[in-house]
Amino acid sequence: MARFRLGSTSGMGWLASAMMLASVATLPEVAGAQTKAWVSGDRVLNLRTGAREEDHAIGVLRTGDEVTLLTRDGGWAKIRDAREREGWVLGAYLQSEPPRAFVLEERLKNLQSELETSRQEAESLRADNERLAATDQERNSEVQRLTRENLELRAGERWPFLIAGASILGVGVLVGIILHWATAKRSQPRIRF
């Protein structure tokens, strides 16, 4: 049941009505099922209490607003908006997919949000990297210190052996000299002139 007011028999009024009906025909049929739709074009659309332009406006919808399509009556569509208001709008201004500009804006917002998240993660990773580099430098310094200390300890372990060996050698040489001196005195002949 169409509630169009054609007014004049001019081609423009009839053509506009035909275009609205054609665009409504592109929306899926609603028979008890609720379908998502979006306000199209660059406009502010009145949400009305009934399916006529004379009915009272209870709110406005803007381009890209998502609505739930409840039913259609001629060129009008009964919808429920995001604020849970039910009303009627011209069906020609609804489309089955979000407007491209709206989709691009939402994608841009998502990408900006992802970029900010990535920046925060990168800053966090830089801070972690600096902290790990400082820790790594401290550990490298500690390894070098321990390596030097280990070398000193190894060198320190040799000294007792070297001193003991030198002492044994010194005592042996001294004993040898003493024995040689003692035996050399006895074996000299005593010749007296």
N, C-alpha and C. Protein backbone atom coordinates (compact mmCIF):
# COMPACT_ATOMS: atom_id res chain seq x y z
N MET A 1 0.85 -1.17 0.00
CA MET A 1 0.00 0.00 0.00
C MET A 1 0.89 1.22 0.00
N ALA A 2 0.89 1.94 -1.10
CA ALA A 2 1.76 3.11 -1.25
C ALA A 2 1.06 4.34 -0.71
N ARG A 3 1.79 5.11 0.06
CA ARG A 3 1.23 6.35 0.60
C ARG A 3 2.00 7.54 0.03
N PHE A 4 2.21 7.54 -1.24
CA PHE A 4 2.92 8.64 -1.87
C PHE A 4 1.96 9.72 -2.27
N ARG A 5 2.42 10.88 -2.15
CA ARG A 5 1.61 12.01 -2.58
C ARG A 5 2.28 12.55 -3.83
N LEU A 6 1.76 12.20 -4.95
CA LEU A 6 2.39 12.58 -6.19
C LEU A 6 2.19 14.05 -6.48
N GLY A 7 1.18 14.65 -5.95
CA GLY A 7 0.96 16.09 -6.07
C GLY A 7 0.66 16.49 -7.49
N SER A 8 1.68 16.70 -8.25
CA SER A 8 1.47 17.12 -9.64
C SER A 8 1.75 15.95 -10.56
N THR A 9 1.37 16.11 -11.74
CA THR A 9 1.59 15.06 -12.73
C THR A 9 2.89 15.32 -13.47
N SER A 10 3.71 16.21 -12.93
CA SER A 10 4.97 16.51 -13.62
C SER A 10 5.89 15.29 -13.55
N GLY A 11 6.76 15.19 -14.50
CA GLY A 11 7.68 14.07 -14.60
C GLY A 11 8.65 14.02 -13.43
N MET A 12 9.05 15.13 -12.86
CA MET A 12 10.04 15.17 -11.79
C MET A 12 9.50 14.55 -10.50
N GLY A 13 8.29 14.87 -10.11
CA GLY A 13 7.70 14.32 -8.89
C GLY A 13 7.52 12.82 -9.02
N TRP A 14 7.02 12.40 -10.16
CA TRP A 14 6.83 10.98 -10.38
C TRP A 14 8.17 10.26 -10.45
N LEU A 15 9.18 10.87 -11.08
CA LEU A 15 10.49 10.28 -11.22
C LEU A 15 11.16 10.12 -9.85
N ALA A 16 11.04 11.14 -8.99
CA ALA A 16 11.64 11.06 -7.65
C ALA A 16 10.98 9.93 -6.86
N SER A 17 9.66 9.80 -6.98
CA SER A 17 8.96 8.73 -6.27
C SER A 17 9.39 7.36 -6.80
N ALA A 18 9.56 7.25 -8.09
CA ALA A 18 9.98 5.97 -8.68
C ALA A 18 11.39 5.62 -8.23
N MET A 19 12.27 6.61 -8.14
CA MET A 19 13.64 6.34 -7.69
C MET A 19 13.65 5.89 -6.24
N MET A 20 12.82 6.49 -5.40
CA MET A 20 12.76 6.07 -3.99
C MET A 20 12.27 4.64 -3.90
N LEU A 21 11.26 4.29 -4.68
CA LEU A 21 10.74 2.92 -4.66
C LEU A 21 11.79 1.94 -5.16
N ALA A 22 12.55 2.31 -6.16
CA ALA A 22 13.58 1.42 -6.72
C ALA A 22 14.68 1.18 -5.70
N SER A 23 15.06 2.21 -4.97
CA SER A 23 16.13 2.01 -3.99
C SER A 23 15.64 1.18 -2.81
N VAL A 24 14.36 1.32 -2.46
CA VAL A 24 13.82 0.49 -1.38
C VAL A 24 13.76 -0.96 -1.84
N ALA A 25 13.54 -1.16 -3.11
CA ALA A 25 13.47 -2.52 -3.63
C ALA A 25 14.82 -3.22 -3.53
N THR A 26 15.91 -2.46 -3.45
CA THR A 26 17.22 -3.10 -3.34
C THR A 26 17.49 -3.60 -1.93
N LEU A 27 16.74 -3.11 -0.95
CA LEU A 27 16.90 -3.62 0.41
C LEU A 27 16.27 -5.00 0.49
N PRO A 28 16.82 -5.88 1.31
CA PRO A 28 16.24 -7.21 1.42
C PRO A 28 14.84 -7.15 2.00
N GLU A 29 14.04 -8.11 1.60
CA GLU A 29 12.67 -8.20 2.14
C GLU A 29 12.73 -8.48 3.62
N VAL A 30 11.84 -7.88 4.35
CA VAL A 30 11.79 -8.08 5.79
C VAL A 30 10.45 -8.72 6.10
N ALA A 31 10.50 -9.97 6.46
CA ALA A 31 9.28 -10.69 6.82
C ALA A 31 9.53 -11.31 8.19
N GLY A 32 9.38 -10.51 9.19
CA GLY A 32 9.62 -11.00 10.55
C GLY A 32 11.08 -10.94 10.95
N ALA A 33 11.99 -10.94 9.97
CA ALA A 33 13.41 -10.89 10.28
C ALA A 33 13.84 -9.43 10.35
N GLN A 34 14.78 -9.15 11.19
CA GLN A 34 15.29 -7.79 11.32
C GLN A 34 16.64 -7.71 10.61
N THR A 35 16.78 -6.70 9.75
CA THR A 35 17.96 -6.55 8.93
C THR A 35 18.65 -5.24 9.26
N LYS A 36 19.97 -5.26 9.20
CA LYS A 36 20.74 -4.04 9.42
C LYS A 36 20.71 -3.20 8.15
N ALA A 37 20.66 -1.90 8.32
CA ALA A 37 20.73 -0.96 7.21
C ALA A 37 21.45 0.29 7.71
N TRP A 38 21.87 1.14 6.76
CA TRP A 38 22.61 2.35 7.11
C TRP A 38 22.02 3.52 6.37
N VAL A 39 22.08 4.68 6.99
CA VAL A 39 21.62 5.90 6.35
C VAL A 39 22.66 6.27 5.30
N SER A 40 22.19 6.53 4.08
CA SER A 40 23.10 6.81 2.98
C SER A 40 23.07 8.28 2.62
N GLY A 41 24.00 8.66 1.77
CA GLY A 41 24.07 10.04 1.29
C GLY A 41 24.65 10.96 2.35
N ASP A 42 24.73 12.21 1.99
CA ASP A 42 25.30 13.21 2.90
C ASP A 42 24.14 14.06 3.41
N ARG A 43 23.46 13.55 4.44
CA ARG A 43 22.25 14.24 4.89
C ARG A 43 21.91 13.92 6.34
N VAL A 44 20.96 14.69 6.82
CA VAL A 44 20.34 14.43 8.12
C VAL A 44 18.92 13.99 7.81
N LEU A 45 18.55 12.85 8.34
CA LEU A 45 17.26 12.24 8.00
C LEU A 45 16.35 12.29 9.23
N ASN A 46 15.12 12.77 9.04
CA ASN A 46 14.16 12.84 10.15
C ASN A 46 13.60 11.45 10.44
N LEU A 47 13.55 11.12 11.72
CA LEU A 47 12.89 9.90 12.19
C LEU A 47 11.49 10.33 12.62
N ARG A 48 10.46 9.76 11.98
CA ARG A 48 9.09 10.23 12.20
C ARG A 48 8.24 9.18 12.91
N THR A 49 7.15 9.65 13.49
CA THR A 49 6.25 8.76 14.21
C THR A 49 5.42 7.90 13.26
N GLY A 50 5.25 8.32 12.03
CA GLY A 50 4.47 7.56 11.07
C GLY A 50 5.11 7.60 9.70
N ALA A 51 4.46 6.93 8.76
CA ALA A 51 5.00 6.80 7.42
C ALA A 51 4.50 7.89 6.49
N ARG A 52 4.52 9.13 6.99
CA ARG A 52 4.13 10.29 6.16
C ARG A 52 5.01 11.47 6.53
N GLU A 53 5.21 12.35 5.57
CA GLU A 53 6.02 13.53 5.86
C GLU A 53 5.32 14.46 6.85
N GLU A 54 4.02 14.37 6.99
CA GLU A 54 3.29 15.21 7.92
C GLU A 54 3.41 14.71 9.36
N ASP A 55 3.86 13.47 9.55
CA ASP A 55 3.98 12.93 10.90
C ASP A 55 5.12 13.62 11.64
N HIS A 56 4.98 13.64 12.93
CA HIS A 56 5.91 14.36 13.81
C HIS A 56 7.30 13.71 13.79
N ALA A 57 8.35 14.56 13.74
CA ALA A 57 9.74 14.08 13.78
C ALA A 57 10.12 13.84 15.25
N ILE A 58 10.63 12.65 15.55
CA ILE A 58 11.02 12.33 16.93
C ILE A 58 12.54 12.28 17.11
N GLY A 59 13.24 12.48 16.04
CA GLY A 59 14.70 12.47 16.10
C GLY A 59 15.29 12.58 14.72
N VAL A 60 16.62 12.56 14.68
CA VAL A 60 17.31 12.64 13.39
C VAL A 60 18.35 11.52 13.30
N LEU A 61 18.60 11.12 12.10
CA LEU A 61 19.66 10.15 11.80
C LEU A 61 20.63 10.82 10.84
N ARG A 62 21.88 10.47 10.95
CA ARG A 62 22.91 11.06 10.11
C ARG A 62 23.52 9.99 9.20
N THR A 63 24.20 10.45 8.18
CA THR A 63 24.86 9.54 7.25
C THR A 63 25.75 8.57 8.01
N GLY A 64 25.60 7.29 7.69
CA GLY A 64 26.42 6.26 8.32
C GLY A 64 25.80 5.66 9.56
N ASP A 65 24.71 6.24 10.09
CA ASP A 65 24.08 5.65 11.28
C ASP A 65 23.53 4.27 10.94
N GLU A 66 23.79 3.33 11.81
CA GLU A 66 23.29 1.97 11.62
C GLU A 66 21.92 1.86 12.26
N VAL A 67 21.00 1.24 11.54
CA VAL A 67 19.64 1.04 12.05
C VAL A 67 19.22 -0.40 11.81
N THR A 68 18.17 -0.80 12.50
CA THR A 68 17.58 -2.13 12.26
C THR A 68 16.28 -1.91 11.50
N LEU A 69 16.21 -2.52 10.34
CA LEU A 69 15.03 -2.40 9.49
C LEU A 69 13.97 -3.37 10.00
N LEU A 70 12.83 -2.83 10.44
CA LEU A 70 11.77 -3.67 11.00
C LEU A 70 10.73 -4.07 9.94
N THR A 71 10.29 -3.11 9.17
CA THR A 71 9.30 -3.38 8.12
C THR A 71 9.31 -2.25 7.10
N ARG A 72 8.65 -2.48 5.96
CA ARG A 72 8.53 -1.44 4.95
C ARG A 72 7.06 -1.26 4.61
N ASP A 73 6.76 -0.02 4.24
CA ASP A 73 5.39 0.29 3.81
C ASP A 73 5.52 1.32 2.70
N GLY A 74 5.40 0.86 1.48
CA GLY A 74 5.56 1.75 0.34
C GLY A 74 7.00 2.23 0.27
N GLY A 75 7.18 3.53 0.23
CA GLY A 75 8.52 4.11 0.17
C GLY A 75 9.09 4.39 1.55
N TRP A 76 8.38 4.01 2.59
CA TRP A 76 8.82 4.26 3.96
C TRP A 76 9.32 2.97 4.60
N ALA A 77 10.18 3.14 5.58
CA ALA A 77 10.71 1.97 6.30
C ALA A 77 10.64 2.25 7.79
N LYS A 78 10.11 1.28 8.52
CA LYS A 78 10.09 1.40 9.98
C LYS A 78 11.42 0.84 10.49
N ILE A 79 12.11 1.63 11.33
CA ILE A 79 13.44 1.23 11.80
C ILE A 79 13.54 1.41 13.30
N ARG A 80 14.60 0.81 13.85
CA ARG A 80 14.99 1.04 15.25
C ARG A 80 16.44 1.52 15.21
N ASP A 81 16.71 2.65 15.85
CA ASP A 81 18.08 3.19 15.80
C ASP A 81 18.90 2.68 16.99
N ALA A 82 20.13 3.16 17.08
CA ALA A 82 21.05 2.71 18.13
C ALA A 82 20.58 3.11 19.52
N ARG A 83 19.72 4.14 19.60
CA ARG A 83 19.20 4.59 20.90
C ARG A 83 17.87 3.90 21.24
N GLU A 84 17.55 2.84 20.47
CA GLU A 84 16.34 2.03 20.68
C GLU A 84 15.05 2.80 20.39
N ARG A 85 15.14 3.86 19.59
CA ARG A 85 13.93 4.59 19.17
C ARG A 85 13.40 3.92 17.91
N GLU A 86 12.09 3.74 17.85
CA GLU A 86 11.47 3.19 16.65
C GLU A 86 10.72 4.31 15.95
N GLY A 87 10.83 4.32 14.62
CA GLY A 87 10.15 5.33 13.84
C GLY A 87 10.25 5.02 12.36
N TRP A 88 9.78 5.97 11.57
CA TRP A 88 9.71 5.79 10.12
C TRP A 88 10.63 6.79 9.42
N VAL A 89 11.29 6.30 8.36
CA VAL A 89 12.14 7.15 7.51
C VAL A 89 11.85 6.78 6.07
N LEU A 90 12.25 7.66 5.16
CA LEU A 90 12.12 7.34 3.74
C LEU A 90 13.09 6.21 3.41
N GLY A 91 12.58 5.14 2.87
CA GLY A 91 13.39 3.97 2.57
C GLY A 91 14.47 4.22 1.54
N ALA A 92 14.29 5.25 0.71
CA ALA A 92 15.27 5.56 -0.32
C ALA A 92 16.61 5.97 0.28
N TYR A 93 16.61 6.41 1.52
CA TYR A 93 17.84 6.87 2.15
C TYR A 93 18.51 5.80 3.01
N LEU A 94 18.06 4.56 2.84
CA LEU A 94 18.69 3.45 3.55
C LEU A 94 19.40 2.56 2.53
N GLN A 95 20.49 2.01 2.93
CA GLN A 95 21.20 1.06 2.07
C GLN A 95 21.65 -0.13 2.91
N SER A 96 21.89 -1.23 2.23
CA SER A 96 22.19 -2.48 2.93
C SER A 96 23.64 -2.58 3.42
N GLU A 97 24.50 -1.65 3.02
CA GLU A 97 25.90 -1.64 3.47
C GLU A 97 26.23 -0.24 3.96
N PRO A 98 27.19 -0.15 4.88
CA PRO A 98 27.57 1.18 5.36
C PRO A 98 28.13 2.02 4.21
N PRO A 99 27.93 3.33 4.24
CA PRO A 99 28.48 4.20 3.19
C PRO A 99 30.00 4.08 3.15
N ARG A 100 30.56 4.17 1.97
CA ARG A 100 32.00 4.00 1.79
C ARG A 100 32.80 4.99 2.63
N ALA A 101 32.37 6.24 2.65
CA ALA A 101 33.09 7.25 3.44
C ALA A 101 33.06 6.88 4.92
N PHE A 102 31.92 6.37 5.38
CA PHE A 102 31.79 5.97 6.79
C PHE A 102 32.72 4.79 7.08
N VAL A 103 32.75 3.82 6.16
CA VAL A 103 33.62 2.66 6.34
C VAL A 103 35.09 3.10 6.36
N LEU A 104 35.44 4.02 5.46
CA LEU A 104 36.81 4.51 5.41
C LEU A 104 37.17 5.28 6.68
N GLU A 105 36.23 6.09 7.19
CA GLU A 105 36.48 6.82 8.44
C GLU A 105 36.69 5.85 9.59
N GLU A 106 35.84 4.83 9.67
CA GLU A 106 35.98 3.83 10.74
C GLU A 106 37.31 3.09 10.60
N ARG A 107 37.68 2.76 9.37
CA ARG A 107 38.96 2.07 9.15
C ARG A 107 40.12 2.97 9.53
N LEU A 108 40.02 4.26 9.17
CA LEU A 108 41.05 5.22 9.54
C LEU A 108 41.18 5.31 11.06
N LYS A 109 40.05 5.37 11.76
CA LYS A 109 40.08 5.42 13.23
C LYS A 109 40.74 4.16 13.79
N ASN A 110 40.38 3.00 13.23
CA ASN A 110 40.98 1.74 13.69
C ASN A 110 42.48 1.72 13.42
N LEU A 111 42.88 2.18 12.23
CA LEU A 111 44.31 2.21 11.90
C LEU A 111 45.07 3.18 12.80
N GLN A 112 44.45 4.33 13.09
CA GLN A 112 45.09 5.29 14.00
C GLN A 112 45.23 4.69 15.39
N SER A 113 44.21 3.98 15.82
CA SER A 113 44.27 3.32 17.13
C SER A 113 45.36 2.25 17.14
N GLU A 114 45.43 1.46 16.07
CA GLU A 114 46.48 0.44 15.97
C GLU A 114 47.87 1.08 15.92
N LEU A 115 47.98 2.21 15.20
CA LEU A 115 49.25 2.92 15.13
C LEU A 115 49.67 3.40 16.51
N GLU A 116 48.73 3.97 17.26
CA GLU A 116 49.05 4.45 18.61
C GLU A 116 49.46 3.28 19.51
N THR A 117 48.74 2.17 19.38
CA THR A 117 49.10 0.98 20.16
C THR A 117 50.49 0.50 19.78
N SER A 118 50.79 0.50 18.48
CA SER A 118 52.12 0.08 18.02
C SER A 118 53.20 1.03 18.52
N ARG A 119 52.90 2.33 18.54
CA ARG A 119 53.87 3.30 19.06
C ARG A 119 54.14 3.05 20.53
N GLN A 120 53.08 2.79 21.28
CA GLN A 120 53.26 2.52 22.71
C GLN A 120 54.06 1.25 22.92
N GLU A 121 53.76 0.20 22.13
CA GLU A 121 54.52 -1.04 22.24
C GLU A 121 55.97 -0.83 21.85
N ALA A 122 56.21 -0.02 20.80
CA ALA A 122 57.59 0.26 20.37
C ALA A 122 58.34 1.01 21.47
N GLU A 123 57.68 1.97 22.11
CA GLU A 123 58.32 2.72 23.19
C GLU A 123 58.62 1.80 24.36
N SER A 124 57.69 0.90 24.66
CA SER A 124 57.91 -0.06 25.73
C SER A 124 59.08 -0.99 25.39
N LEU A 125 59.14 -1.44 24.13
CA LEU A 125 60.23 -2.30 23.70
C LEU A 125 61.57 -1.57 23.73
N ARG A 126 61.56 -0.26 23.36
CA ARG A 126 62.80 0.53 23.44
C ARG A 126 63.28 0.62 24.88
N ALA A 127 62.34 0.88 25.79
CA ALA A 127 62.72 0.98 27.21
C ALA A 127 63.26 -0.36 27.70
N ASP A 128 62.59 -1.46 27.31
CA ASP A 128 63.08 -2.80 27.70
C ASP A 128 64.46 -3.06 27.11
N ASN A 129 64.66 -2.66 25.84
CA ASN A 129 65.94 -2.86 25.19
C ASN A 129 67.04 -2.08 25.91
N GLU A 130 66.76 -0.83 26.29
CA GLU A 130 67.75 -0.04 27.01
C GLU A 130 68.07 -0.68 28.36
N ARG A 131 67.04 -1.15 29.04
CA ARG A 131 67.24 -1.79 30.33
C ARG A 131 68.07 -3.07 30.17
N LEU A 132 67.75 -3.86 29.14
CA LEU A 132 68.49 -5.09 28.90
C LEU A 132 69.93 -4.80 28.46
N ALA A 133 70.12 -3.74 27.68
CA ALA A 133 71.48 -3.37 27.26
C ALA A 133 72.31 -2.97 28.47
N ALA A 134 71.70 -2.21 29.40
CA ALA A 134 72.42 -1.83 30.62
C ALA A 134 72.75 -3.06 31.45
N THR A 135 71.79 -3.97 31.58
CA THR A 135 72.02 -5.21 32.32
C THR A 135 73.11 -6.03 31.65
N ASP A 136 73.07 -6.10 30.31
CA ASP A 136 74.07 -6.85 29.56
C ASP A 136 75.46 -6.24 29.77
N GLN A 137 75.54 -4.92 29.76
CA GLN A 137 76.82 -4.26 29.99
C GLN A 137 77.33 -4.55 31.40
N GLU A 138 76.43 -4.52 32.38
CA GLU A 138 76.84 -4.84 33.76
C GLU A 138 77.34 -6.28 33.84
N ARG A 139 76.67 -7.18 33.19
CA ARG A 139 77.08 -8.59 33.23
C ARG A 139 78.40 -8.80 32.51
N ASN A 140 78.59 -8.10 31.39
CA ASN A 140 79.87 -8.21 30.68
C ASN A 140 81.01 -7.70 31.56
N SER A 141 80.76 -6.59 32.26
CA SER A 141 81.78 -6.06 33.18
C SER A 141 82.08 -7.06 34.28
N GLU A 142 81.03 -7.70 34.81
CA GLU A 142 81.20 -8.70 35.87
C GLU A 142 81.98 -9.91 35.34
N VAL A 143 81.69 -10.34 34.10
CA VAL A 143 82.41 -11.47 33.51
C VAL A 143 83.89 -11.13 33.35
N GLN A 144 84.17 -9.90 32.88
CA GLN A 144 85.57 -9.49 32.74
C GLN A 144 86.28 -9.45 34.10
N ARG A 145 85.58 -8.92 35.11
CA ARG A 145 86.17 -8.87 36.45
C ARG A 145 86.46 -10.28 36.97
N LEU A 146 85.50 -11.19 36.80
CA LEU A 146 85.68 -12.57 37.27
C LEU A 146 86.79 -13.28 36.49
N THR A 147 86.91 -12.98 35.20
CA THR A 147 87.97 -13.58 34.40
C THR A 147 89.34 -13.13 34.90
N ARG A 148 89.47 -11.81 35.16
CA ARG A 148 90.74 -11.31 35.72
C ARG A 148 91.03 -11.93 37.08
N GLU A 149 90.02 -12.00 37.91
CA GLU A 149 90.19 -12.59 39.24
C GLU A 149 90.59 -14.06 39.13
N ASN A 150 90.00 -14.78 38.20
CA ASN A 150 90.33 -16.19 38.00
C ASN A 150 91.79 -16.34 37.56
N LEU A 151 92.23 -15.48 36.65
CA LEU A 151 93.62 -15.53 36.20
C LEU A 151 94.58 -15.23 37.36
N GLU A 152 94.21 -14.26 38.17
CA GLU A 152 95.04 -13.93 39.33
C GLU A 152 95.10 -15.10 40.30
N LEU A 153 93.97 -15.76 40.50
CA LEU A 153 93.95 -16.91 41.41
C LEU A 153 94.79 -18.06 40.85
N ARG A 154 94.72 -18.28 39.55
CA ARG A 154 95.52 -19.35 38.95
C ARG A 154 97.01 -19.04 39.09
N ALA A 155 97.35 -17.77 38.85
CA ALA A 155 98.75 -17.37 39.01
C ALA A 155 99.15 -17.47 40.47
N GLY A 156 98.29 -17.15 41.37
CA GLY A 156 98.55 -17.24 42.80
C GLY A 156 98.74 -18.68 43.24
N GLU A 157 98.09 -19.63 42.60
CA GLU A 157 98.23 -21.04 42.94
C GLU A 157 99.62 -21.57 42.56
N ARG A 158 100.29 -20.98 41.61
CA ARG A 158 101.61 -21.44 41.14
C ARG A 158 102.74 -21.00 42.08
N TRP A 159 102.55 -19.87 42.73
CA TRP A 159 103.62 -19.35 43.58
C TRP A 159 104.06 -20.32 44.68
N PRO A 160 103.15 -20.94 45.38
CA PRO A 160 103.62 -21.87 46.41
C PRO A 160 104.47 -23.00 45.82
N PHE A 161 104.08 -23.50 44.64
CA PHE A 161 104.85 -24.57 44.02
C PHE A 161 106.23 -24.07 43.57
N LEU A 162 106.25 -22.86 43.02
CA LEU A 162 107.53 -22.30 42.58
C LEU A 162 108.46 -22.05 43.78
N ILE A 163 107.90 -21.52 44.85
CA ILE A 163 108.71 -21.26 46.05
C ILE A 163 109.21 -22.57 46.65
N ALA A 164 108.35 -23.56 46.71
CA ALA A 164 108.77 -24.87 47.26
C ALA A 164 109.85 -25.48 46.38
N GLY A 165 109.71 -25.41 45.08
CA GLY A 165 110.72 -25.96 44.16
C GLY A 165 112.04 -25.23 44.29
N ALA A 166 111.97 -23.90 44.37
CA ALA A 166 113.20 -23.11 44.51
C ALA A 166 113.88 -23.40 45.84
N SER A 167 113.08 -23.57 46.89
CA SER A 167 113.64 -23.89 48.22
C SER A 167 114.33 -25.25 48.19
N ILE A 168 113.69 -26.24 47.59
CA ILE A 168 114.28 -27.58 47.50
C ILE A 168 115.58 -27.52 46.71
N LEU A 169 115.56 -26.79 45.61
CA LEU A 169 116.74 -26.65 44.79
C LEU A 169 117.85 -25.93 45.56
N GLY A 170 117.51 -24.89 46.27
CA GLY A 170 118.49 -24.14 47.05
C GLY A 170 119.10 -24.99 48.16
N VAL A 171 118.23 -25.74 48.85
CA VAL A 171 118.72 -26.62 49.92
C VAL A 171 119.60 -27.70 49.31
N GLY A 172 119.22 -28.23 48.18
CA GLY A 172 120.03 -29.27 47.52
C GLY A 172 121.40 -28.75 47.12
N VAL A 173 121.42 -27.56 46.57
CA VAL A 173 122.69 -26.96 46.17
C VAL A 173 123.54 -26.72 47.42
N LEU A 174 122.95 -26.19 48.46
CA LEU A 174 123.70 -25.93 49.70
C LEU A 174 124.23 -27.22 50.31
N VAL A 175 123.41 -28.27 50.34
CA VAL A 175 123.85 -29.56 50.85
C VAL A 175 124.98 -30.09 49.97
N GLY A 176 124.87 -29.92 48.69
CA GLY A 176 125.91 -30.37 47.77
C GLY A 176 127.22 -29.64 48.01
N ILE A 177 127.16 -28.37 48.25
CA ILE A 177 128.37 -27.59 48.51
C ILE A 177 128.99 -28.03 49.83
N ILE A 178 128.15 -28.18 50.81
CA ILE A 178 128.66 -28.59 52.12
C ILE A 178 129.28 -29.97 52.01
N LEU A 179 128.65 -30.92 51.37
CA LEU A 179 129.20 -32.26 51.23
C LEU A 179 130.48 -32.23 50.39
N HIS A 180 130.50 -31.47 49.39
CA HIS A 180 131.68 -31.36 48.58
C HIS A 180 132.84 -30.74 49.39
N TRP A 181 132.57 -29.77 50.15
CA TRP A 181 133.60 -29.13 50.97
C TRP A 181 134.11 -30.09 52.03
N ALA A 182 133.17 -30.82 52.63
CA ALA A 182 133.55 -31.76 53.69
C ALA A 182 134.36 -32.91 53.12
N THR A 183 134.01 -33.44 52.04
CA THR A 183 134.75 -34.55 51.46
C THR A 183 136.01 -34.08 50.77
N ALA A 184 136.05 -32.92 50.33
CA ALA A 184 137.23 -32.41 49.68
C ALA A 184 138.34 -32.19 50.70
N LYS A 185 138.11 -31.86 51.92
CA LYS A 185 139.12 -31.65 52.94
C LYS A 185 139.74 -32.96 53.34
N ARG A 186 139.00 -33.97 53.39
CA ARG A 186 139.52 -35.26 53.82
C ARG A 186 140.37 -35.91 52.75
N SER A 187 140.06 -35.74 51.59
CA SER A 187 140.79 -36.44 50.57
C SER A 187 142.07 -35.73 50.15
N GLN A 188 142.38 -34.61 50.64
CA GLN A 188 143.62 -33.95 50.28
C GLN A 188 144.78 -34.64 51.04
N PRO A 189 145.80 -34.95 50.32
CA PRO A 189 146.94 -35.58 51.00
C PRO A 189 147.66 -34.55 51.88
N ARG A 190 148.24 -35.09 52.89
CA ARG A 190 148.95 -34.21 53.80
C ARG A 190 150.45 -34.34 53.49
N ILE A 191 150.85 -33.58 52.74
CA ILE A 191 152.30 -33.57 52.41
C ILE A 191 152.87 -32.34 53.08
N ARG A 192 154.00 -32.70 53.79
CA ARG A 192 154.61 -31.59 54.48
C ARG A 192 156.00 -31.40 53.91
N PHE A 193 156.38 -30.33 53.71
CA PHE A 193 157.72 -30.05 53.23
C PHE A 193 158.51 -29.44 54.26
